[in-house]
Protein backbone atom coordinates (compact mmCIF):
# COMPACT_ATOMS: atom_id res chain seq x y z
CA MET A 1 18.45 89.80 148.89
CA ASN A 2 17.67 91.18 145.44
CA GLU A 3 19.32 94.58 145.67
CA THR A 4 19.95 94.75 141.94
CA PRO A 5 17.58 93.89 139.07
CA LYS A 6 20.51 92.35 137.15
CA ASN A 7 21.40 88.70 137.44
CA PRO A 8 24.20 88.48 140.04
CA PHE A 9 25.55 85.32 138.44
CA ALA A 10 25.78 86.95 135.02
CA GLU A 11 27.58 89.91 136.53
CA MET A 12 29.93 87.59 138.41
CA MET A 13 30.76 85.75 135.20
CA VAL A 14 31.71 89.02 133.50
CA MET A 15 33.76 90.09 136.51
CA GLY A 16 35.49 86.69 136.56
CA GLN A 17 36.36 86.94 132.89
CA GLU A 18 37.79 90.45 133.28
CA TRP A 19 39.74 89.39 136.38
CA ALA A 20 41.14 86.30 134.66
CA LYS A 21 42.23 88.35 131.64
CA ALA A 22 43.84 90.96 133.89
CA MET A 23 45.65 88.40 136.05
CA ASN A 24 46.64 85.86 133.42
CA PRO A 25 45.75 86.22 129.71
CA ALA A 26 46.26 82.47 129.27
CA LEU A 27 43.18 81.83 131.42
CA GLU A 28 41.09 83.60 128.81
CA HIS A 29 41.12 80.36 126.83
CA PHE A 30 39.31 78.54 129.58
CA THR A 31 36.98 81.17 130.85
CA PRO A 32 33.38 80.36 129.87
CA LYS A 33 32.25 82.63 127.04
CA GLY A 34 28.60 83.55 127.03
């Protein structure tokens, strides 16, 4: 199920961070950075 050469988890983390910032800026403080 490797349709993309990129790490799906890494991409999900980035998406999660962007989503959290968009939905509630306060969550940015507890989104994992890295």
